[in-house]
Amino acid sequence: MIRGAWTKLRAKLTTNMRQRVAGGLVLAMLVLSIPRPAQAQFGIDLALIIAGLEKINSLLTSQVAAPLQQIQKIESEYTQFQQDVIYPVGAINQLKNAVLMFRNQMKAMNGLMTMQYNSAQLPLTQQLEQLLLSGDPNAVKQVGAVYQQVYGMLPADNQAPQFIRYSIDISDAQAQDAMKRAIELDALAQREMEVSEQLQDQIRTATPGTAPMVEAVAAAWVVRANAYSQSAMSQLMRIRSSSIANQSAISKWATTNTNSLTNAVGKITGTGNQ
C-alpha cells in the first residue's frame, strides 16, 4: 500500500515537473523568436540569447530543482521508514537469534521423542516391544510372527466354537493392524520432525521482513506439533491394540479351559474322549 502510494506521488510530481519545464521552454522559445535589430556581425543577438538562457536556467532552477529535491526527500523518508518500521535490522537479527534458540530447543525435544522405554521382561515380549517402539516401517513385516508367539495361535476348528474363532481372529487382526499402524505413524512423525528442522535452517538464512519470518517460524512449529500429535496417536493406538490383544488372549484361555473341563467331566462320567 505504501509503495503504491509513493509510486503514484512520484508519477504525479514527475508529470507536473515535465509540464512546467515544457512551459518554460516554450516561453524561452517565444522570447528568442521576438524580432530584434541586428547587433552583431553575423546578425546574432548575443544579449537576447544570454537572456533566454538565463530564463531557461531560472526555470530549471525553480521548476525542476525544487521538485527533484522534494522527490529526494520523500525517497529518503521512505527508505528510513523501511529501515525503522518495515525491515528493522535489529528486529530481524533478534528474530534470527530466537530462531536459533527455538531450533536448539527442538533438538533437545528430539531426545525425548526418541527415548526408548523398554518395560517387557521376557524375551518374546521384549522382541515385540522393540518392534512396536522401533519407528521402522520395515519392522511391520515381523509383527505378525512375533505377535502369534506372544498371544498364541488361532484355535483349530475342533478346539473352539465357530463364533469364538471369529471373535479371536478379528481381535487378533485389529490388534496387529493397530500395532503396525503405530509403527508407521512413529516413522511419519520422525520425518515430520526432520522437515521441521530443515525449515528452521531455511528461516535462519532467509532475508525477508520480520512478519514473513515469524510466519515461517510458526509454520515450522505447526509441523512440529503435527509430529507430536502423530506420536501421541500412535501411543493411543498401541494402548488400544494391547487391550484388544488381551481380550483375544482371554478368549483363547477360556476356550482351552472349556476343552479341559469337558474332557475331565467326560472321564468322570465315563464318556470322555477315548
C-alpha atoms as a PDB file:
ATOM      1  CA  MET A   1       0.000   0.000   0.000  1.00  0.00           C
ATOM      2  CA  ILE A   2       2.777   2.411   0.984  1.00  0.00           C
ATOM      3  CA  ARG A   3       4.837   1.534  -2.070  1.00  0.00           C
ATOM      4  CA  GLY A   4       1.818   2.065  -4.350  1.00  0.00           C
ATOM      5  CA  ALA A   5       1.045   5.462  -2.835  1.00  0.00           C
ATOM      6  CA  TRP A   6       4.693   6.507  -3.218  1.00  0.00           C
ATOM      7  CA  THR A   7       4.699   5.429  -6.891  1.00  0.00           C
ATOM      8  CA  LYS A   8       1.582   7.473  -7.627  1.00  0.00           C
ATOM      9  CA  LEU A   9       3.036  10.524  -5.860  1.00  0.00           C
ATOM     10  CA  ARG A  10       6.312  10.274  -7.732  1.00  0.00           C
ATOM     11  CA  ALA A  11       4.496   9.904 -11.074  1.00  0.00           C
ATOM     12  CA  LYS A  12       2.366  12.953 -10.273  1.00  0.00           C
ATOM     13  CA  LEU A  13       5.390  15.038  -9.331  1.00  0.00           C
ATOM     14  CA  THR A  14       7.229  13.943 -12.477  1.00  0.00           C
ATOM     15  CA  THR A  15       4.250  14.856 -14.652  1.00  0.00           C
ATOM     16  CA  ASN A  16       3.963  18.290 -13.039  1.00  0.00           C
ATOM     17  CA  MET A  17       7.692  18.858 -13.438  1.00  0.00           C
ATOM     18  CA  ARG A  18       7.577  17.922 -17.111  1.00  0.00           C
ATOM     19  CA  GLN A  19       4.660  20.273 -17.710  1.00  0.00           C
ATOM     20  CA  ARG A  20       6.482  23.117 -16.038  1.00  0.00           C
ATOM     21  CA  VAL A  21       9.699  22.516 -17.972  1.00  0.00           C
ATOM     22  CA  ALA A  22       7.793  22.297 -21.237  1.00  0.00           C
ATOM     23  CA  GLY A  23       6.041  25.545 -20.450  1.00  0.00           C
ATOM     24  CA  GLY A  24       9.351  27.203 -19.597  1.00  0.00           C
ATOM     25  CA  LEU A  25      10.962  26.026 -22.813  1.00  0.00           C
ATOM     26  CA  VAL A  26       8.032  27.294 -24.869  1.00  0.00           C
ATOM     27  CA  LEU A  27       8.284  30.651 -23.138  1.00  0.00           C
ATOM     28  CA  ALA A  28      12.010  30.756 -23.771  1.00  0.00           C
ATOM     29  CA  MET A  29      11.480  29.976 -27.457  1.00  0.00           C
ATOM     30  CA  LEU A  30       8.916  32.746 -27.697  1.00  0.00           C
ATOM     31  CA  VAL A  31      11.405  35.167 -26.200  1.00  0.00           C
ATOM     32  CA  LEU A  32      14.063  34.078 -28.640  1.00  0.00           C
ATOM     33  CA  SER A  33      11.682  34.430 -31.602  1.00  0.00           C
ATOM     34  CA  ILE A  34      10.900  38.080 -30.902  1.00  0.00           C
ATOM     35  CA  PRO A  35      12.440  40.225 -33.726  1.00  0.00           C
ATOM     36  CA  ARG A  36      15.446  42.302 -32.646  1.00  0.00           C
ATOM     37  CA  PRO A  37      17.635  44.694 -34.624  1.00  0.00           C
ATOM     38  CA  ALA A  38      20.964  43.286 -35.675  1.00  0.00           C
ATOM     39  CA  GLN A  39      23.596  43.938 -33.022  1.00  0.00           C
ATOM     40  CA  ALA A  40      26.381  41.688 -34.179  1.00  0.00           C
ATOM     41  CA  GLN A  41      28.447  40.977 -37.237  1.00  0.00           C
ATOM     42  CA  PHE A  42      26.508  37.818 -38.194  1.00  0.00           C
ATOM     43  CA  GLY A  43      23.045  39.025 -37.170  1.00  0.00           C
ATOM     44  CA  ILE A  44      23.072  37.125 -33.853  1.00  0.00           C
ATOM     45  CA  ASP A  45      21.752  38.972 -30.833  1.00  0.00           C
ATOM     46  CA  LEU A  46      24.032  37.602 -28.092  1.00  0.00           C
ATOM     47  CA  ALA A  47      22.279  39.573 -25.416  1.00  0.00           C
ATOM     48  CA  LEU A  48      18.966  38.031 -26.400  1.00  0.00           C
ATOM     49  CA  ILE A  49      20.480  34.534 -26.388  1.00  0.00           C
ATOM     50  CA  ILE A  50      22.041  35.108 -22.990  1.00  0.00           C
ATOM     51  CA  ALA A  51      18.755  36.426 -21.672  1.00  0.00           C
ATOM     52  CA  GLY A  52      16.947  33.337 -22.995  1.00  0.00           C
ATOM     53  CA  LEU A  53      19.483  31.003 -21.483  1.00  0.00           C
ATOM     54  CA  GLU A  54      19.237  32.803 -18.187  1.00  0.00           C
ATOM     55  CA  LYS A  55      15.473  32.432 -18.363  1.00  0.00           C
ATOM     56  CA  ILE A  56      15.800  28.701 -19.071  1.00  0.00           C
ATOM     57  CA  ASN A  57      18.254  28.333 -16.190  1.00  0.00           C
ATOM     58  CA  SER A  58      15.880  30.189 -13.903  1.00  0.00           C
ATOM     59  CA  LEU A  59      13.004  27.967 -14.970  1.00  0.00           C
ATOM     60  CA  LEU A  60      15.075  24.825 -14.456  1.00  0.00           C
ATOM     61  CA  THR A  61      16.131  26.024 -11.032  1.00  0.00           C
ATOM     62  CA  SER A  62      12.635  26.934  -9.892  1.00  0.00           C
ATOM     63  CA  GLN A  63      10.528  24.359 -11.738  1.00  0.00           C
ATOM     64  CA  VAL A  64      12.854  21.329 -11.844  1.00  0.00           C
ATOM     65  CA  ALA A  65      15.336  21.518  -8.975  1.00  0.00           C
ATOM     66  CA  ALA A  66      12.695  22.122  -6.323  1.00  0.00           C
ATOM     67  CA  PRO A  67      10.515  19.117  -7.314  1.00  0.00           C
ATOM     68  CA  LEU A  68      13.623  16.945  -7.574  1.00  0.00           C
ATOM     69  CA  GLN A  69      14.632  17.939  -4.078  1.00  0.00           C
ATOM     70  CA  GLN A  70      11.120  17.094  -2.894  1.00  0.00           C
ATOM     71  CA  ILE A  71      11.307  13.674  -4.576  1.00  0.00           C
ATOM     72  CA  GLN A  72      14.703  13.004  -2.988  1.00  0.00           C
ATOM     73  CA  LYS A  73      13.332  13.996   0.399  1.00  0.00           C
ATOM     74  CA  ILE A  74      10.345  11.663   0.045  1.00  0.00           C
ATOM     75  CA  GLU A  75      12.598   8.824  -1.122  1.00  0.00           C
ATOM     76  CA  SER A  76      14.903   9.382   1.833  1.00  0.00           C
ATOM     77  CA  GLU A  77      11.982   9.396   4.270  1.00  0.00           C
ATOM     78  CA  TYR A  78      10.534   6.249   2.696  1.00  0.00           C
ATOM     79  CA  THR A  79      13.884   4.461   2.907  1.00  0.00           C
ATOM     80  CA  GLN A  80      14.229   5.478   6.528  1.00  0.00           C
ATOM     81  CA  PHE A  81      10.680   4.279   7.205  1.00  0.00           C
ATOM     82  CA  GLN A  82      11.535   0.887   5.716  1.00  0.00           C
ATOM     83  CA  GLN A  83      14.663   0.600   7.856  1.00  0.00           C
ATOM     84  CA  ASP A  84      12.987   1.727  11.075  1.00  0.00           C
ATOM     85  CA  VAL A  85       9.485   0.231  10.785  1.00  0.00           C
ATOM     86  CA  ILE A  86       9.088  -2.340   7.997  1.00  0.00           C
ATOM     87  CA  TYR A  87      12.507  -4.020   7.935  1.00  0.00           C
ATOM     88  CA  PRO A  88      14.342  -3.002  11.122  1.00  0.00           C
ATOM     89  CA  VAL A  89      17.757  -4.649  11.166  1.00  0.00           C
ATOM     90  CA  GLY A  90      17.760  -5.014  14.940  1.00  0.00           C
ATOM     91  CA  ALA A  91      14.428  -6.836  14.996  1.00  0.00           C
ATOM     92  CA  ILE A  92      15.491  -9.129  12.152  1.00  0.00           C
ATOM     93  CA  ASN A  93      18.721 -10.073  13.931  1.00  0.00           C
ATOM     94  CA  GLN A  94      16.805 -10.603  17.170  1.00  0.00           C
ATOM     95  CA  LEU A  95      14.373 -12.916  15.433  1.00  0.00           C
ATOM     96  CA  LYS A  96      17.212 -14.867  13.820  1.00  0.00           C
ATOM     97  CA  ASN A  97      18.704 -15.427  17.260  1.00  0.00           C
ATOM     98  CA  ALA A  98      15.294 -16.542  18.506  1.00  0.00           C
ATOM     99  CA  VAL A  99      15.039 -18.991  15.602  1.00  0.00           C
ATOM    100  CA  LEU A 100      18.395 -20.466  16.585  1.00  0.00           C
ATOM    101  CA  MET A 101      17.205 -20.808  20.176  1.00  0.00           C
ATOM    102  CA  PHE A 102      13.969 -22.478  19.042  1.00  0.00           C
ATOM    103  CA  ARG A 103      15.956 -24.906  16.916  1.00  0.00           C
ATOM    104  CA  ASN A 104      18.165 -25.867  19.851  1.00  0.00           C
ATOM    105  CA  GLN A 105      15.090 -26.435  21.973  1.00  0.00           C
ATOM    106  CA  MET A 106      13.585 -28.645  19.273  1.00  0.00           C
ATOM    107  CA  LYS A 107      16.765 -30.683  19.089  1.00  0.00           C
ATOM    108  CA  ALA A 108      16.566 -31.211  22.841  1.00  0.00           C
ATOM    109  CA  MET A 109      12.955 -32.331  22.442  1.00  0.00           C
ATOM    110  CA  ASN A 110      14.038 -34.849  19.821  1.00  0.00           C
ATOM    111  CA  GLY A 111      15.840 -36.720  22.572  1.00  0.00           C
ATOM    112  CA  LEU A 112      12.588 -37.049  24.481  1.00  0.00           C
ATOM    113  CA  MET A 113      10.716 -38.184  21.390  1.00  0.00           C
ATOM    114  CA  THR A 114      13.254 -40.889  20.569  1.00  0.00           C
ATOM    115  CA  MET A 115      13.834 -42.097  24.121  1.00  0.00           C
ATOM    116  CA  GLN A 116      13.127 -45.818  24.449  1.00  0.00           C
ATOM    117  CA  TYR A 117      11.055 -47.130  27.349  1.00  0.00           C
ATOM    118  CA  ASN A 118      11.598 -50.885  27.432  1.00  0.00           C
ATOM    119  CA  SER A 119       9.366 -52.461  30.081  1.00  0.00           C
ATOM    120  CA  ALA A 120       8.936 -56.058  28.950  1.00  0.00           C
ATOM    121  CA  GLN A 121      10.971 -58.698  30.808  1.00  0.00           C
ATOM    122  CA  LEU A 122      10.537 -61.904  28.817  1.00  0.00           C
ATOM    123  CA  PRO A 123      12.417 -62.491  25.562  1.00  0.00           C
ATOM    124  CA  LEU A 124       9.393 -62.741  23.245  1.00  0.00           C
ATOM    125  CA  THR A 125       7.571 -59.796  24.781  1.00  0.00           C
ATOM    126  CA  GLN A 126      10.790 -57.759  24.671  1.00  0.00           C
ATOM    127  CA  GLN A 127      11.096 -58.535  20.972  1.00  0.00           C
ATOM    128  CA  LEU A 128       7.523 -57.430  20.315  1.00  0.00           C
ATOM    129  CA  GLU A 129       8.015 -54.280  22.368  1.00  0.00           C
ATOM    130  CA  GLN A 130      11.145 -53.366  20.429  1.00  0.00           C
ATOM    131  CA  LEU A 131       9.263 -53.765  17.173  1.00  0.00           C
ATOM    132  CA  LEU A 132       6.415 -51.543  18.368  1.00  0.00           C
ATOM    133  CA  LEU A 133       8.806 -48.795  19.502  1.00  0.00           C
ATOM    134  CA  SER A 134      11.234 -49.029  16.590  1.00  0.00           C
ATOM    135  CA  GLY A 135       9.565 -46.464  14.306  1.00  0.00           C
ATOM    136  CA  ASP A 136      10.909 -48.517  11.405  1.00  0.00           C
ATOM    137  CA  PRO A 137       8.342 -49.289   8.663  1.00  0.00           C
ATOM    138  CA  ASN A 138      10.363 -52.359   7.706  1.00  0.00           C
ATOM    139  CA  ALA A 139       9.607 -53.838  11.130  1.00  0.00           C
ATOM    140  CA  VAL A 140       5.917 -54.122  10.214  1.00  0.00           C
ATOM    141  CA  LYS A 141       6.583 -57.421   8.426  1.00  0.00           C
ATOM    142  CA  GLN A 142       7.857 -59.025  11.633  1.00  0.00           C
ATOM    143  CA  VAL A 143       4.913 -58.063  13.836  1.00  0.00           C
ATOM    144  CA  GLY A 144       2.642 -60.951  12.807  1.00  0.00           C
ATOM    145  CA  ALA A 145       5.033 -63.774  13.649  1.00  0.00           C
ATOM    146  CA  VAL A 146       6.135 -62.296  16.979  1.00  0.00           C
ATOM    147  CA  TYR A 147       2.537 -61.481  17.868  1.00  0.00           C
ATOM    148  CA  GLN A 148       1.479 -65.094  17.412  1.00  0.00           C
ATOM    149  CA  GLN A 149       4.325 -66.281  19.603  1.00  0.00           C
ATOM    150  CA  VAL A 150       3.302 -63.901  22.386  1.00  0.00           C
ATOM    151  CA  TYR A 151      -0.513 -64.118  22.220  1.00  0.00           C
ATOM    152  CA  GLY A 152      -0.962 -67.575  20.727  1.00  0.00           C
ATOM    153  CA  MET A 153      -2.351 -69.063  17.521  1.00  0.00           C
ATOM    154  CA  LEU A 154      -5.943 -69.196  16.325  1.00  0.00           C
ATOM    155  CA  PRO A 155      -7.628 -72.354  17.738  1.00  0.00           C
ATOM    156  CA  ALA A 156      -8.411 -75.134  15.294  1.00  0.00           C
ATOM    157  CA  ASP A 157     -11.967 -75.979  14.225  1.00  0.00           C
ATOM    158  CA  ASN A 158     -12.286 -78.783  16.770  1.00  0.00           C
ATOM    159  CA  GLN A 159     -10.904 -76.670  19.618  1.00  0.00           C
ATOM    160  CA  ALA A 160     -13.474 -73.881  19.774  1.00  0.00           C
ATOM    161  CA  PRO A 161     -16.930 -72.953  18.509  1.00  0.00           C
ATOM    162  CA  GLN A 162     -17.013 -71.048  15.237  1.00  0.00           C
ATOM    163  CA  PHE A 163     -18.152 -67.738  16.752  1.00  0.00           C
ATOM    164  CA  ILE A 164     -15.327 -67.888  19.289  1.00  0.00           C
ATOM    165  CA  ARG A 165     -12.841 -68.404  16.480  1.00  0.00           C
ATOM    166  CA  TYR A 166     -14.323 -65.460  14.612  1.00  0.00           C
ATOM    167  CA  SER A 167     -14.010 -63.273  17.700  1.00  0.00           C
ATOM    168  CA  ILE A 168     -10.425 -64.326  18.286  1.00  0.00           C
ATOM    169  CA  ASP A 169      -9.484 -63.873  14.635  1.00  0.00           C
ATOM    170  CA  ILE A 170     -10.885 -60.353  14.306  1.00  0.00           C
ATOM    171  CA  SER A 171      -9.425 -59.325  17.654  1.00  0.00           C
ATOM    172  CA  ASP A 172      -6.006 -60.552  16.564  1.00  0.00           C
ATOM    173  CA  ALA A 173      -6.369 -58.782  13.227  1.00  0.00           C
ATOM    174  CA  GLN A 174      -7.340 -55.452  14.811  1.00  0.00           C
ATOM    175  CA  ALA A 175      -4.572 -55.679  17.354  1.00  0.00           C
ATOM    176  CA  GLN A 176      -1.928 -56.385  14.723  1.00  0.00           C
ATOM    177  CA  ASP A 177      -3.269 -53.689  12.416  1.00  0.00           C
ATOM    178  CA  ALA A 178      -3.128 -51.135  15.213  1.00  0.00           C
ATOM    179  CA  MET A 179       0.412 -52.153  16.135  1.00  0.00           C
ATOM    180  CA  LYS A 180       1.572 -51.891  12.522  1.00  0.00           C
ATOM    181  CA  ARG A 181      -0.143 -48.529  12.092  1.00  0.00           C
ATOM    182  CA  ALA A 182       1.501 -47.260  15.263  1.00  0.00           C
ATOM    183  CA  ILE A 183       4.937 -48.133  13.870  1.00  0.00           C
ATOM    184  CA  GLU A 184       4.149 -46.323  10.619  1.00  0.00           C
ATOM    185  CA  LEU A 185       2.891 -43.233  12.450  1.00  0.00           C
ATOM    186  CA  ASP A 186       6.066 -43.141  14.513  1.00  0.00           C
ATOM    187  CA  ALA A 187       8.086 -43.191  11.299  1.00  0.00           C
ATOM    188  CA  LEU A 188       5.928 -40.401   9.871  1.00  0.00           C
ATOM    189  CA  ALA A 189       6.385 -38.310  12.993  1.00  0.00           C
ATOM    190  CA  GLN A 190      10.162 -38.705  12.703  1.00  0.00           C
ATOM    191  CA  ARG A 191      10.086 -37.496   9.088  1.00  0.00           C
ATOM    192  CA  GLU A 192       7.968 -34.501  10.051  1.00  0.00           C
ATOM    193  CA  MET A 193      10.472 -33.541  12.722  1.00  0.00           C
ATOM    194  CA  GLU A 194      13.243 -33.681  10.123  1.00  0.00           C
ATOM    195  CA  VAL A 195      11.227 -31.403   7.838  1.00  0.00           C
ATOM    196  CA  SER A 196      10.712 -29.019  10.732  1.00  0.00           C
ATOM    197  CA  GLU A 197      14.467 -28.798  11.305  1.00  0.00           C
ATOM    198  CA  GLN A 198      15.042 -28.135   7.605  1.00  0.00           C
ATOM    199  CA  LEU A 199      12.537 -25.291   7.731  1.00  0.00           C
ATOM    200  CA  GLN A 200      14.356 -23.865  10.711  1.00  0.00           C
ATOM    201  CA  ASP A 201      17.611 -23.851   8.741  1.00  0.00           C
ATOM    202  CA  GLN A 202      15.933 -22.054   5.832  1.00  0.00           C
ATOM    203  CA  ILE A 203      14.458 -19.468   8.175  1.00  0.00           C
ATOM    204  CA  ARG A 204      17.892 -18.629   9.560  1.00  0.00           C
ATOM    205  CA  THR A 205      19.241 -17.853   6.070  1.00  0.00           C
ATOM    206  CA  ALA A 206      16.125 -16.021   4.844  1.00  0.00           C
ATOM    207  CA  THR A 207      16.178 -12.217   4.452  1.00  0.00           C
ATOM    208  CA  PRO A 208      12.541 -11.037   4.254  1.00  0.00           C
ATOM    209  CA  GLY A 209      10.801  -8.774   6.746  1.00  0.00           C
ATOM    210  CA  THR A 210      10.073  -9.863  10.262  1.00  0.00           C
ATOM    211  CA  ALA A 211       6.413 -10.708   9.618  1.00  0.00           C
ATOM    212  CA  PRO A 212       7.123 -13.402   6.973  1.00  0.00           C
ATOM    213  CA  MET A 213       9.907 -14.766   9.168  1.00  0.00           C
ATOM    214  CA  VAL A 214       7.566 -15.073  12.125  1.00  0.00           C
ATOM    215  CA  GLU A 215       5.051 -16.776   9.857  1.00  0.00           C
ATOM    216  CA  ALA A 216       7.718 -19.248   8.733  1.00  0.00           C
ATOM    217  CA  VAL A 217       8.661 -19.999  12.342  1.00  0.00           C
ATOM    218  CA  ALA A 218       5.003 -20.594  13.145  1.00  0.00           C
ATOM    219  CA  ALA A 219       4.724 -22.957  10.176  1.00  0.00           C
ATOM    220  CA  ALA A 220       7.721 -24.907  11.465  1.00  0.00           C
ATOM    221  CA  TRP A 221       6.090 -25.181  14.889  1.00  0.00           C
ATOM    222  CA  VAL A 222       2.872 -26.374  13.265  1.00  0.00           C
ATOM    223  CA  VAL A 223       4.804 -29.167  11.567  1.00  0.00           C
ATOM    224  CA  ARG A 224       6.419 -29.984  14.897  1.00  0.00           C
ATOM    225  CA  ALA A 225       3.016 -30.036  16.619  1.00  0.00           C
ATOM    226  CA  ASN A 226       1.708 -32.396  13.962  1.00  0.00           C
ATOM    227  CA  ALA A 227       4.639 -34.680  14.676  1.00  0.00           C
ATOM    228  CA  TYR A 228       3.759 -34.704  18.368  1.00  0.00           C
ATOM    229  CA  SER A 229       0.130 -35.415  17.526  1.00  0.00           C
ATOM    230  CA  GLN A 230       1.151 -38.327  15.332  1.00  0.00           C
ATOM    231  CA  SER A 231       3.326 -39.747  18.060  1.00  0.00           C
ATOM    232  CA  ALA A 232       0.558 -39.381  20.650  1.00  0.00           C
ATOM    233  CA  MET A 233      -1.898 -41.026  18.301  1.00  0.00           C
ATOM    234  CA  SER A 234       0.442 -43.976  17.804  1.00  0.00           C
ATOM    235  CA  GLN A 235       0.760 -44.354  21.561  1.00  0.00           C
ATOM    236  CA  LEU A 236      -3.019 -44.414  21.932  1.00  0.00           C
ATOM    237  CA  MET A 237      -3.200 -46.995  19.187  1.00  0.00           C
ATOM    238  CA  ARG A 238      -0.604 -49.112  20.986  1.00  0.00           C
ATOM    239  CA  ILE A 239      -2.680 -48.996  24.151  1.00  0.00           C
ATOM    240  CA  ARG A 240      -5.810 -49.894  22.238  1.00  0.00           C
ATOM    241  CA  SER A 241      -4.071 -52.738  20.419  1.00  0.00           C
ATOM    242  CA  SER A 242      -2.811 -54.150  23.711  1.00  0.00           C
ATOM    243  CA  SER A 243      -6.325 -54.099  25.107  1.00  0.00           C
ATOM    244  CA  ILE A 244      -7.666 -55.916  22.057  1.00  0.00           C
ATOM    245  CA  ALA A 245      -4.861 -58.434  22.230  1.00  0.00           C
ATOM    246  CA  ASN A 246      -5.629 -59.135  25.883  1.00  0.00           C
ATOM    247  CA  GLN A 247      -9.275 -59.753  25.076  1.00  0.00           C
ATOM    248  CA  SER A 248      -8.186 -62.181  22.391  1.00  0.00           C
ATOM    249  CA  ALA A 249      -5.872 -63.961  24.812  1.00  0.00           C
ATOM    250  CA  ILE A 250      -8.684 -64.270  27.380  1.00  0.00           C
ATOM    251  CA  SER A 251     -10.902 -65.832  24.746  1.00  0.00           C
ATOM    252  CA  LYS A 252      -8.194 -68.325  23.865  1.00  0.00           C
ATOM    253  CA  TRP A 253      -7.628 -69.140  27.508  1.00  0.00           C
ATOM    254  CA  ALA A 254     -11.341 -69.644  28.107  1.00  0.00           C
ATOM    255  CA  THR A 255     -11.522 -71.959  25.106  1.00  0.00           C
ATOM    256  CA  THR A 256      -8.660 -74.087  26.371  1.00  0.00           C
ATOM    257  CA  ASN A 257     -10.206 -74.326  29.837  1.00  0.00           C
ATOM    258  CA  THR A 258     -13.544 -75.297  28.351  1.00  0.00           C
ATOM    259  CA  ASN A 259     -11.945 -78.170  26.434  1.00  0.00           C
ATOM    260  CA  SER A 260     -10.060 -79.327  29.544  1.00  0.00           C
ATOM    261  CA  LEU A 261     -13.194 -79.164  31.665  1.00  0.00           C
ATOM    262  CA  THR A 262     -15.169 -81.098  29.072  1.00  0.00           C
ATOM    263  CA  ASN A 263     -12.587 -83.860  28.975  1.00  0.00           C
ATOM    264  CA  ALA A 264     -12.408 -84.027  32.762  1.00  0.00           C
ATOM    265  CA  VAL A 265     -16.161 -84.299  33.123  1.00  0.00           C
ATOM    266  CA  GLY A 266     -16.218 -86.943  30.393  1.00  0.00           C
ATOM    267  CA  LYS A 267     -13.678 -89.041  32.177  1.00  0.00           C
ATOM    268  CA  ILE A 268     -15.592 -88.818  35.423  1.00  0.00           C
ATOM    269  CA  THR A 269     -18.820 -89.918  33.802  1.00  0.00           C
ATOM    270  CA  GLY A 270     -17.076 -92.432  31.575  1.00  0.00           C
ATOM    271  CA  THR A 271     -17.948 -90.561  28.384  1.00  0.00           C
ATOM    272  CA  GLY A 272     -14.716 -88.674  27.955  1.00  0.00           C
ATOM    273  CA  ASN A 273     -12.687 -88.609  24.759  1.00  0.00           C
ATOM    274  CA  GLN A 274     -11.064 -92.022  24.132  1.00  0.00           C
END
